[in-house]
Amino acid sequence: MERYCGTAGLLQLILAHSIMFTREIEFESVGKSLLLSQESEGEVGCVVWDAAIVLAKCLEHHTLLHNQQTTNINHVVLSGSHVVELGAGTGCVGLAAALLGASRVTITDLPQFLPLMNKNILQNQDKFECAVEARELTWGNTEQGVDLSTPDIIVVADCIYYQEVSNCPFHQAFHWSHLYQH
């Protein structure tokens, strides 16, 4: 039996016991592709959903338009921005933001999805020109959000809230408002 050491070894052990495959999503505007590991099936967080691909492509489209010197203020400006993805699962949208020029990206989800998010960060790390990290963020747990710096852009694709996985009612879900105190 192989020996797994440290955080990377634990990640390998967890992912070695899943039926996984890699999905490639091309971003023609930057001439790069994301390689996203995902499970062959699952309910939430462990597969790349169509909504995540659509939002990632939307970011690419708006970034491309902005880079073509449009003056439309409705276009997303990733350059120089800290992007936070909520309910990231595989991290598709946040990693697309990193690929498309964000200056910092934090992808967040429940603790059981951290190994998959970290795997996807590691297998794409050489394509990013910014810091990318995966963080645990359970909605309703304001202590986990305190350490996050205020994001410039928050992205959410097909995000699902299950009250039974949280210790608090939906109306008390995590709010970014406490981060904006001056």
N, C-alpha and C. Protein backbone atom coordinates (compact mmCIF):
# COMPACT_ATOMS: atom_id res chain seq x y z
N MET A 1 0.84 -1.18 0.00
CA MET A 1 0.00 0.00 0.00
C MET A 1 0.88 1.24 0.00
N GLU A 2 0.48 2.20 -0.84
CA GLU A 2 1.26 3.44 -0.91
C GLU A 2 1.12 4.22 0.39
N ARG A 3 2.13 4.99 0.69
CA ARG A 3 2.09 5.82 1.88
C ARG A 3 1.80 7.25 1.47
N TYR A 4 0.80 7.86 2.10
CA TYR A 4 0.40 9.23 1.81
C TYR A 4 0.82 10.12 2.97
N CYS A 5 1.63 11.14 2.67
CA CYS A 5 2.16 12.01 3.72
C CYS A 5 1.69 13.44 3.50
N GLY A 6 1.43 14.15 4.58
CA GLY A 6 1.09 15.56 4.53
C GLY A 6 -0.24 15.84 3.86
N THR A 7 -0.49 17.13 3.66
CA THR A 7 -1.74 17.58 3.06
C THR A 7 -1.89 17.06 1.64
N ALA A 8 -0.85 17.13 0.85
CA ALA A 8 -0.91 16.65 -0.53
C ALA A 8 -1.20 15.15 -0.57
N GLY A 9 -0.62 14.40 0.36
CA GLY A 9 -0.86 12.96 0.41
C GLY A 9 -2.28 12.63 0.80
N LEU A 10 -2.82 13.38 1.76
CA LEU A 10 -4.21 13.18 2.16
C LEU A 10 -5.15 13.47 0.99
N LEU A 11 -4.86 14.54 0.27
CA LEU A 11 -5.65 14.88 -0.92
C LEU A 11 -5.60 13.74 -1.93
N GLN A 12 -4.43 13.19 -2.17
CA GLN A 12 -4.28 12.06 -3.10
C GLN A 12 -5.09 10.86 -2.63
N LEU A 13 -5.04 10.56 -1.36
CA LEU A 13 -5.76 9.41 -0.81
C LEU A 13 -7.27 9.56 -1.00
N ILE A 14 -7.80 10.73 -0.67
CA ILE A 14 -9.24 10.98 -0.81
C ILE A 14 -9.66 10.87 -2.26
N LEU A 15 -8.92 11.51 -3.14
CA LEU A 15 -9.30 11.54 -4.55
C LEU A 15 -9.03 10.22 -5.26
N ALA A 16 -8.12 9.41 -4.72
CA ALA A 16 -7.82 8.12 -5.34
C ALA A 16 -8.97 7.14 -5.18
N HIS A 17 -9.83 7.36 -4.20
CA HIS A 17 -10.93 6.44 -3.96
C HIS A 17 -12.23 6.89 -4.61
N SER A 18 -12.20 7.90 -5.45
CA SER A 18 -13.36 8.38 -6.18
C SER A 18 -13.20 8.04 -7.66
N ILE A 19 -14.31 7.90 -8.34
CA ILE A 19 -14.25 7.74 -9.79
C ILE A 19 -14.27 9.15 -10.38
N MET A 20 -13.11 9.57 -10.86
CA MET A 20 -12.94 10.94 -11.32
C MET A 20 -12.60 10.96 -12.80
N PHE A 21 -12.89 12.09 -13.42
CA PHE A 21 -12.39 12.36 -14.77
C PHE A 21 -12.13 13.85 -14.87
N THR A 22 -11.40 14.24 -15.89
CA THR A 22 -11.01 15.63 -16.07
C THR A 22 -11.80 16.23 -17.22
N ARG A 23 -12.32 17.41 -16.97
CA ARG A 23 -13.06 18.15 -17.99
C ARG A 23 -12.22 19.35 -18.40
N GLU A 24 -12.10 19.57 -19.69
CA GLU A 24 -11.33 20.70 -20.19
C GLU A 24 -12.28 21.77 -20.69
N ILE A 25 -12.04 23.01 -20.25
CA ILE A 25 -12.84 24.15 -20.71
C ILE A 25 -11.88 25.16 -21.31
N GLU A 26 -12.07 25.43 -22.59
CA GLU A 26 -11.16 26.32 -23.33
C GLU A 26 -11.59 27.77 -23.21
N PHE A 27 -10.59 28.64 -23.11
CA PHE A 27 -10.81 30.08 -23.09
C PHE A 27 -9.96 30.66 -24.21
N GLU A 28 -10.60 30.79 -25.37
CA GLU A 28 -9.90 31.21 -26.58
C GLU A 28 -9.27 32.59 -26.45
N SER A 29 -9.92 33.48 -25.69
CA SER A 29 -9.44 34.86 -25.59
C SER A 29 -8.05 34.95 -24.96
N VAL A 30 -7.69 33.97 -24.13
CA VAL A 30 -6.36 33.98 -23.51
C VAL A 30 -5.51 32.80 -23.98
N GLY A 31 -6.07 31.98 -24.86
CA GLY A 31 -5.32 30.85 -25.39
C GLY A 31 -4.97 29.79 -24.35
N LYS A 32 -5.82 29.63 -23.35
CA LYS A 32 -5.56 28.66 -22.28
C LYS A 32 -6.82 27.86 -22.01
N SER A 33 -6.64 26.72 -21.35
CA SER A 33 -7.76 25.88 -20.94
C SER A 33 -7.64 25.57 -19.46
N LEU A 34 -8.80 25.43 -18.82
CA LEU A 34 -8.84 24.92 -17.45
C LEU A 34 -9.03 23.43 -17.51
N LEU A 35 -8.33 22.70 -16.67
CA LEU A 35 -8.54 21.27 -16.49
C LEU A 35 -9.18 21.09 -15.13
N LEU A 36 -10.42 20.63 -15.13
CA LEU A 36 -11.17 20.50 -13.88
C LEU A 36 -11.49 19.04 -13.60
N SER A 37 -10.96 18.54 -12.52
CA SER A 37 -11.31 17.19 -12.09
C SER A 37 -12.71 17.24 -11.50
N GLN A 38 -13.47 16.19 -11.76
CA GLN A 38 -14.80 16.08 -11.19
C GLN A 38 -15.13 14.61 -11.05
N GLU A 39 -16.11 14.34 -10.21
CA GLU A 39 -16.54 12.95 -10.07
C GLU A 39 -17.45 12.61 -11.25
N SER A 40 -17.59 11.33 -11.53
CA SER A 40 -18.39 10.91 -12.67
C SER A 40 -19.88 11.17 -12.44
N GLU A 41 -20.28 11.25 -11.19
CA GLU A 41 -21.67 11.59 -10.87
C GLU A 41 -21.73 12.15 -9.47
N GLY A 42 -22.80 12.86 -9.19
CA GLY A 42 -22.96 13.42 -7.86
C GLY A 42 -24.02 14.48 -7.86
N GLU A 43 -24.46 14.83 -6.67
CA GLU A 43 -25.53 15.81 -6.56
C GLU A 43 -25.01 17.24 -6.62
N VAL A 44 -24.19 17.63 -5.69
CA VAL A 44 -23.69 19.01 -5.66
C VAL A 44 -22.20 19.01 -5.38
N GLY A 45 -21.53 20.05 -5.84
CA GLY A 45 -20.15 20.30 -5.47
C GLY A 45 -19.08 19.44 -6.08
N CYS A 46 -19.41 18.30 -6.63
CA CYS A 46 -18.36 17.41 -7.11
C CYS A 46 -18.36 17.26 -8.62
N VAL A 47 -19.24 17.99 -9.31
CA VAL A 47 -19.27 17.96 -10.77
C VAL A 47 -19.31 19.40 -11.29
N VAL A 48 -18.87 19.59 -12.53
CA VAL A 48 -18.94 20.90 -13.17
C VAL A 48 -20.33 21.03 -13.80
N TRP A 49 -21.12 21.92 -13.28
CA TRP A 49 -22.48 22.11 -13.79
C TRP A 49 -22.48 23.10 -14.95
N ASP A 50 -23.46 22.98 -15.83
CA ASP A 50 -23.57 23.85 -17.00
C ASP A 50 -23.59 25.33 -16.62
N ALA A 51 -24.26 25.67 -15.53
CA ALA A 51 -24.35 27.07 -15.11
C ALA A 51 -22.97 27.65 -14.82
N ALA A 52 -22.07 26.84 -14.26
CA ALA A 52 -20.71 27.31 -13.98
C ALA A 52 -19.96 27.59 -15.28
N ILE A 53 -20.13 26.73 -16.27
CA ILE A 53 -19.47 26.94 -17.56
C ILE A 53 -20.02 28.20 -18.22
N VAL A 54 -21.34 28.39 -18.16
CA VAL A 54 -21.96 29.57 -18.77
C VAL A 54 -21.44 30.84 -18.09
N LEU A 55 -21.37 30.85 -16.76
CA LEU A 55 -20.88 32.04 -16.06
C LEU A 55 -19.40 32.27 -16.35
N ALA A 56 -18.61 31.22 -16.43
CA ALA A 56 -17.18 31.35 -16.75
C ALA A 56 -17.02 31.95 -18.15
N LYS A 57 -17.82 31.48 -19.09
CA LYS A 57 -17.77 32.02 -20.46
C LYS A 57 -18.28 33.45 -20.51
N CYS A 58 -19.24 33.78 -19.66
CA CYS A 58 -19.73 35.16 -19.56
C CYS A 58 -18.61 36.08 -19.06
N LEU A 59 -17.87 35.62 -18.07
CA LEU A 59 -16.72 36.39 -17.59
C LEU A 59 -15.71 36.60 -18.71
N GLU A 60 -15.47 35.55 -19.49
CA GLU A 60 -14.54 35.67 -20.61
C GLU A 60 -15.04 36.70 -21.61
N HIS A 61 -16.31 36.64 -21.95
CA HIS A 61 -16.90 37.57 -22.92
C HIS A 61 -16.77 39.01 -22.43
N HIS A 62 -17.14 39.25 -21.18
CA HIS A 62 -17.08 40.61 -20.65
C HIS A 62 -15.64 41.10 -20.49
N THR A 63 -14.74 40.22 -20.13
CA THR A 63 -13.32 40.59 -20.04
C THR A 63 -12.78 40.93 -21.42
N LEU A 64 -13.14 40.14 -22.42
CA LEU A 64 -12.71 40.40 -23.79
C LEU A 64 -13.23 41.75 -24.27
N LEU A 65 -14.50 42.04 -24.01
CA LEU A 65 -15.07 43.33 -24.42
C LEU A 65 -14.37 44.47 -23.70
N HIS A 66 -14.09 44.31 -22.41
CA HIS A 66 -13.42 45.37 -21.67
C HIS A 66 -12.01 45.59 -22.22
N ASN A 67 -11.32 44.51 -22.53
CA ASN A 67 -9.97 44.62 -23.07
C ASN A 67 -9.93 45.26 -24.44
N GLN A 68 -11.08 45.29 -25.12
CA GLN A 68 -11.16 45.94 -26.43
C GLN A 68 -11.53 47.41 -26.29
N GLN A 69 -11.29 47.96 -25.09
CA GLN A 69 -11.46 49.39 -24.81
C GLN A 69 -12.90 49.88 -24.86
N THR A 70 -13.86 49.03 -24.54
CA THR A 70 -15.23 49.51 -24.44
C THR A 70 -15.34 50.37 -23.19
N THR A 71 -16.24 51.31 -23.21
CA THR A 71 -16.43 52.19 -22.06
C THR A 71 -17.70 51.85 -21.29
N ASN A 72 -18.31 50.74 -21.60
CA ASN A 72 -19.53 50.31 -20.93
C ASN A 72 -19.19 49.89 -19.51
N ILE A 73 -19.75 50.58 -18.52
CA ILE A 73 -19.42 50.29 -17.13
C ILE A 73 -20.05 49.00 -16.63
N ASN A 74 -20.92 48.39 -17.43
CA ASN A 74 -21.54 47.13 -17.02
C ASN A 74 -20.62 45.94 -17.21
N HIS A 75 -19.51 46.11 -17.87
CA HIS A 75 -18.61 45.00 -18.10
C HIS A 75 -17.75 44.73 -16.86
N VAL A 76 -17.57 43.48 -16.58
CA VAL A 76 -16.79 43.05 -15.42
C VAL A 76 -15.31 43.35 -15.68
N VAL A 77 -14.66 43.95 -14.72
CA VAL A 77 -13.24 44.23 -14.82
C VAL A 77 -12.53 43.32 -13.82
N LEU A 78 -11.93 42.25 -14.32
CA LEU A 78 -11.25 41.31 -13.45
C LEU A 78 -9.85 41.78 -13.06
N SER A 79 -9.19 42.47 -13.96
CA SER A 79 -7.83 42.92 -13.70
C SER A 79 -7.79 43.78 -12.44
N GLY A 80 -6.93 43.40 -11.51
CA GLY A 80 -6.80 44.14 -10.27
C GLY A 80 -7.86 43.82 -9.23
N SER A 81 -8.71 42.86 -9.49
CA SER A 81 -9.82 42.54 -8.60
C SER A 81 -9.58 41.29 -7.77
N HIS A 82 -10.09 41.32 -6.54
CA HIS A 82 -10.14 40.13 -5.70
C HIS A 82 -11.51 39.51 -5.94
N VAL A 83 -11.53 38.30 -6.47
CA VAL A 83 -12.77 37.59 -6.79
C VAL A 83 -12.97 36.49 -5.76
N VAL A 84 -14.19 36.40 -5.24
CA VAL A 84 -14.56 35.33 -4.33
C VAL A 84 -15.71 34.57 -4.97
N GLU A 85 -15.54 33.24 -5.07
CA GLU A 85 -16.63 32.39 -5.55
C GLU A 85 -17.26 31.69 -4.35
N LEU A 86 -18.56 31.87 -4.21
CA LEU A 86 -19.31 31.20 -3.15
C LEU A 86 -19.87 29.89 -3.69
N GLY A 87 -19.90 28.87 -2.86
CA GLY A 87 -20.44 27.58 -3.28
C GLY A 87 -19.73 27.06 -4.51
N ALA A 88 -18.40 27.13 -4.49
CA ALA A 88 -17.58 26.88 -5.68
C ALA A 88 -17.60 25.44 -6.17
N GLY A 89 -17.77 24.46 -5.29
CA GLY A 89 -17.73 23.06 -5.74
C GLY A 89 -16.39 22.71 -6.34
N THR A 90 -16.34 22.61 -7.66
CA THR A 90 -15.08 22.31 -8.36
C THR A 90 -14.21 23.54 -8.53
N GLY A 91 -14.79 24.73 -8.36
CA GLY A 91 -14.04 25.97 -8.50
C GLY A 91 -14.03 26.53 -9.90
N CYS A 92 -14.88 26.05 -10.78
CA CYS A 92 -14.86 26.42 -12.19
C CYS A 92 -14.86 27.93 -12.43
N VAL A 93 -15.79 28.64 -11.83
CA VAL A 93 -15.93 30.07 -12.11
C VAL A 93 -14.78 30.87 -11.52
N GLY A 94 -14.42 30.57 -10.28
CA GLY A 94 -13.31 31.28 -9.66
C GLY A 94 -11.99 31.04 -10.38
N LEU A 95 -11.77 29.80 -10.79
CA LEU A 95 -10.53 29.49 -11.52
C LEU A 95 -10.53 30.14 -12.90
N ALA A 96 -11.71 30.26 -13.51
CA ALA A 96 -11.81 30.99 -14.78
C ALA A 96 -11.44 32.46 -14.56
N ALA A 97 -11.89 33.04 -13.46
CA ALA A 97 -11.53 34.43 -13.15
C ALA A 97 -10.02 34.58 -12.99
N ALA A 98 -9.38 33.60 -12.35
CA ALA A 98 -7.91 33.63 -12.21
C ALA A 98 -7.24 33.54 -13.57
N LEU A 99 -7.76 32.70 -14.41
CA LEU A 99 -7.20 32.52 -15.76
C LEU A 99 -7.37 33.78 -16.60
N LEU A 100 -8.46 34.51 -16.35
CA LEU A 100 -8.81 35.67 -17.16
C LEU A 100 -8.28 37.00 -16.63
N GLY A 101 -7.45 36.95 -15.56
CA GLY A 101 -6.76 38.17 -15.16
C GLY A 101 -7.07 38.74 -13.80
N ALA A 102 -7.85 38.07 -12.97
CA ALA A 102 -8.07 38.57 -11.61
C ALA A 102 -6.73 38.65 -10.89
N SER A 103 -6.64 39.54 -9.91
CA SER A 103 -5.37 39.66 -9.18
C SER A 103 -5.31 38.75 -7.97
N ARG A 104 -6.48 38.28 -7.52
CA ARG A 104 -6.54 37.34 -6.40
C ARG A 104 -7.88 36.63 -6.46
N VAL A 105 -7.89 35.33 -6.18
CA VAL A 105 -9.13 34.55 -6.23
C VAL A 105 -9.20 33.66 -4.99
N THR A 106 -10.39 33.65 -4.38
CA THR A 106 -10.68 32.76 -3.27
C THR A 106 -11.93 31.98 -3.64
N ILE A 107 -11.80 30.66 -3.68
CA ILE A 107 -12.97 29.83 -3.94
C ILE A 107 -13.39 29.20 -2.63
N THR A 108 -14.70 29.19 -2.35
CA THR A 108 -15.18 28.74 -1.05
C THR A 108 -16.30 27.73 -1.21
N ASP A 109 -16.38 26.83 -0.24
CA ASP A 109 -17.48 25.87 -0.18
C ASP A 109 -17.40 25.14 1.15
N LEU A 110 -18.23 24.14 1.30
CA LEU A 110 -18.24 23.32 2.50
C LEU A 110 -16.94 22.52 2.61
N PRO A 111 -16.57 22.09 3.81
CA PRO A 111 -15.27 21.42 4.00
C PRO A 111 -15.08 20.16 3.17
N GLN A 112 -16.14 19.43 2.87
CA GLN A 112 -15.98 18.20 2.10
C GLN A 112 -15.56 18.46 0.65
N PHE A 113 -15.67 19.70 0.17
CA PHE A 113 -15.28 20.00 -1.21
C PHE A 113 -13.88 20.60 -1.32
N LEU A 114 -13.23 20.87 -0.19
CA LEU A 114 -11.88 21.45 -0.22
C LEU A 114 -10.86 20.59 -0.96
N PRO A 115 -10.84 19.26 -0.76
CA PRO A 115 -9.85 18.46 -1.50
C PRO A 115 -9.99 18.59 -3.02
N LEU A 116 -11.21 18.58 -3.52
CA LEU A 116 -11.42 18.71 -4.97
C LEU A 116 -11.05 20.11 -5.45
N MET A 117 -11.42 21.13 -4.71
CA MET A 117 -11.05 22.50 -5.10
C MET A 117 -9.53 22.65 -5.11
N ASN A 118 -8.86 22.12 -4.09
CA ASN A 118 -7.39 22.20 -4.05
C ASN A 118 -6.75 21.43 -5.19
N LYS A 119 -7.30 20.27 -5.52
CA LYS A 119 -6.78 19.51 -6.66
C LYS A 119 -6.88 20.33 -7.94
N ASN A 120 -8.02 20.99 -8.15
CA ASN A 120 -8.20 21.78 -9.36
C ASN A 120 -7.31 23.02 -9.39
N ILE A 121 -7.04 23.59 -8.23
CA ILE A 121 -6.08 24.70 -8.17
C ILE A 121 -4.70 24.20 -8.56
N LEU A 122 -4.27 23.09 -7.96
CA LEU A 122 -2.93 22.56 -8.23
C LEU A 122 -2.71 22.18 -9.69
N GLN A 123 -3.71 21.56 -10.31
CA GLN A 123 -3.49 21.13 -11.70
C GLN A 123 -3.57 22.27 -12.71
N ASN A 124 -3.95 23.47 -12.27
CA ASN A 124 -4.00 24.63 -13.17
C ASN A 124 -3.08 25.75 -12.73
N GLN A 125 -2.37 25.56 -11.64
CA GLN A 125 -1.58 26.61 -11.00
C GLN A 125 -0.59 27.29 -11.96
N ASP A 126 -0.01 26.55 -12.86
CA ASP A 126 0.97 27.14 -13.78
C ASP A 126 0.34 28.09 -14.79
N LYS A 127 -0.98 28.13 -14.87
CA LYS A 127 -1.68 29.01 -15.82
C LYS A 127 -2.11 30.32 -15.19
N PHE A 128 -2.04 30.42 -13.86
CA PHE A 128 -2.51 31.60 -13.15
C PHE A 128 -1.37 32.57 -12.90
N GLU A 129 -1.69 33.86 -13.00
CA GLU A 129 -0.72 34.90 -12.67
C GLU A 129 -1.11 35.59 -11.37
N CYS A 130 -1.91 34.91 -10.57
CA CYS A 130 -2.36 35.49 -9.31
C CYS A 130 -2.44 34.41 -8.25
N ALA A 131 -2.63 34.84 -7.02
CA ALA A 131 -2.81 33.91 -5.91
C ALA A 131 -4.23 33.36 -5.95
N VAL A 132 -4.34 32.03 -5.79
CA VAL A 132 -5.64 31.36 -5.76
C VAL A 132 -5.65 30.45 -4.54
N GLU A 133 -6.71 30.54 -3.76
CA GLU A 133 -6.81 29.67 -2.59
C GLU A 133 -8.23 29.15 -2.44
N ALA A 134 -8.34 27.97 -1.83
CA ALA A 134 -9.63 27.37 -1.50
C ALA A 134 -9.82 27.53 0.00
N ARG A 135 -11.02 27.94 0.39
CA ARG A 135 -11.32 28.15 1.81
C ARG A 135 -12.66 27.52 2.16
N GLU A 136 -12.76 27.05 3.36
CA GLU A 136 -14.04 26.57 3.88
C GLU A 136 -14.91 27.77 4.20
N LEU A 137 -16.15 27.74 3.75
CA LEU A 137 -17.11 28.77 4.11
C LEU A 137 -18.49 28.14 4.15
N THR A 138 -18.93 27.87 5.34
CA THR A 138 -20.27 27.34 5.57
C THR A 138 -21.18 28.53 5.82
N TRP A 139 -22.21 28.65 5.02
CA TRP A 139 -23.11 29.79 5.18
C TRP A 139 -23.68 29.81 6.58
N GLY A 140 -23.67 30.98 7.17
CA GLY A 140 -24.15 31.14 8.54
C GLY A 140 -23.01 31.16 9.54
N ASN A 141 -21.82 30.71 9.15
CA ASN A 141 -20.67 30.71 10.04
C ASN A 141 -19.86 31.98 9.79
N THR A 142 -20.21 33.04 10.51
CA THR A 142 -19.55 34.33 10.29
C THR A 142 -18.09 34.32 10.69
N GLU A 143 -17.69 33.42 11.59
CA GLU A 143 -16.29 33.33 12.00
C GLU A 143 -15.39 32.97 10.82
N GLN A 144 -15.87 32.11 9.92
CA GLN A 144 -15.07 31.72 8.76
C GLN A 144 -14.90 32.89 7.79
N GLY A 145 -15.86 33.78 7.74
CA GLY A 145 -15.79 34.91 6.82
C GLY A 145 -14.97 36.07 7.32
N VAL A 146 -14.72 36.12 8.61
CA VAL A 146 -13.98 37.24 9.19
C VAL A 146 -12.59 37.35 8.60
N ASP A 147 -11.94 36.22 8.33
CA ASP A 147 -10.57 36.23 7.82
C ASP A 147 -10.48 36.56 6.33
N LEU A 148 -11.60 36.57 5.64
CA LEU A 148 -11.59 36.91 4.21
C LEU A 148 -11.53 38.41 4.06
N SER A 149 -10.65 38.87 3.18
CA SER A 149 -10.65 40.30 2.91
C SER A 149 -11.83 40.63 2.00
N THR A 150 -12.23 41.85 2.01
CA THR A 150 -13.38 42.29 1.23
C THR A 150 -13.14 42.06 -0.26
N PRO A 151 -14.02 41.30 -0.90
CA PRO A 151 -13.85 41.05 -2.33
C PRO A 151 -14.33 42.23 -3.17
N ASP A 152 -13.77 42.33 -4.37
CA ASP A 152 -14.26 43.32 -5.34
C ASP A 152 -15.42 42.74 -6.13
N ILE A 153 -15.34 41.44 -6.37
CA ILE A 153 -16.36 40.75 -7.17
C ILE A 153 -16.71 39.44 -6.47
N ILE A 154 -18.00 39.17 -6.33
CA ILE A 154 -18.48 37.90 -5.79
C ILE A 154 -19.20 37.18 -6.92
N VAL A 155 -18.83 35.92 -7.17
CA VAL A 155 -19.50 35.13 -8.20
C VAL A 155 -20.15 33.91 -7.57
N VAL A 156 -21.31 33.56 -8.10
CA VAL A 156 -22.07 32.41 -7.62
C VAL A 156 -22.76 31.81 -8.83
N ALA A 157 -22.57 30.52 -9.05
CA ALA A 157 -23.24 29.84 -10.17
C ALA A 157 -23.98 28.63 -9.65
N ASP A 158 -25.27 28.59 -9.88
CA ASP A 158 -26.06 27.41 -9.53
C ASP A 158 -25.83 26.99 -8.09
N CYS A 159 -25.72 27.98 -7.22
CA CYS A 159 -25.39 27.73 -5.82
C CYS A 159 -26.63 27.23 -5.09
N ILE A 160 -26.45 26.21 -4.29
CA ILE A 160 -27.55 25.57 -3.58
C ILE A 160 -27.30 25.71 -2.08
N TYR A 161 -28.36 26.03 -1.36
CA TYR A 161 -28.28 26.13 0.09
C TYR A 161 -29.11 25.01 0.70
N TYR A 162 -28.48 24.18 1.51
CA TYR A 162 -29.19 23.14 2.25
C TYR A 162 -29.20 23.52 3.71
N GLN A 163 -30.36 23.84 4.24
CA GLN A 163 -30.44 24.26 5.64
C GLN A 163 -29.95 23.17 6.57
N GLU A 164 -30.16 21.91 6.21
CA GLU A 164 -29.76 20.83 7.11
C GLU A 164 -28.25 20.70 7.27
N VAL A 165 -27.44 21.31 6.39
CA VAL A 165 -26.00 21.23 6.55
C VAL A 165 -25.45 22.44 7.30
N SER A 166 -26.32 23.33 7.65
CA SER A 166 -25.90 24.52 8.39
C SER A 166 -26.50 24.49 9.78
N ASN A 167 -25.87 25.15 10.69
CA ASN A 167 -26.36 25.18 12.07
C ASN A 167 -27.30 26.35 12.33
N CYS A 168 -27.68 27.07 11.29
CA CYS A 168 -28.52 28.23 11.52
C CYS A 168 -29.58 28.34 10.44
N PRO A 169 -30.64 29.08 10.69
CA PRO A 169 -31.69 29.25 9.68
C PRO A 169 -31.19 30.03 8.47
N PHE A 170 -31.88 29.88 7.37
CA PHE A 170 -31.49 30.52 6.11
C PHE A 170 -31.36 32.03 6.26
N HIS A 171 -32.27 32.66 6.98
CA HIS A 171 -32.23 34.13 7.08
C HIS A 171 -31.00 34.63 7.83
N GLN A 172 -30.27 33.74 8.49
CA GLN A 172 -29.04 34.14 9.17
C GLN A 172 -27.81 33.75 8.38
N ALA A 173 -27.99 33.43 7.10
CA ALA A 173 -26.87 33.03 6.26
C ALA A 173 -25.80 34.11 6.25
N PHE A 174 -24.58 33.70 5.96
CA PHE A 174 -23.43 34.60 5.97
C PHE A 174 -23.70 35.84 5.11
N HIS A 175 -23.41 37.00 5.64
CA HIS A 175 -23.56 38.26 4.90
C HIS A 175 -22.20 38.94 4.81
N TRP A 176 -21.92 39.52 3.66
CA TRP A 176 -20.66 40.24 3.47
C TRP A 176 -20.72 41.61 4.11
N SER A 177 -21.91 42.07 4.52
CA SER A 177 -22.06 43.43 5.01
C SER A 177 -21.12 43.75 6.18
N HIS A 178 -20.83 42.77 7.04
CA HIS A 178 -19.94 43.05 8.17
C HIS A 178 -18.51 43.32 7.72
N LEU A 179 -18.19 42.92 6.50
CA LEU A 179 -16.83 43.17 5.99
C LEU A 179 -16.66 44.58 5.47
N TYR A 180 -17.78 45.27 5.25
CA TYR A 180 -17.72 46.61 4.67
C TYR A 180 -17.79 47.72 5.70
N GLN A 181 -17.63 47.39 6.96
CA GLN A 181 -17.66 48.40 8.01
C GLN A 181 -16.43 49.29 7.88
N HIS A 182 -16.65 50.57 7.97
CA HIS A 182 -15.54 51.52 7.82
C HIS A 182 -15.08 52.04 9.16
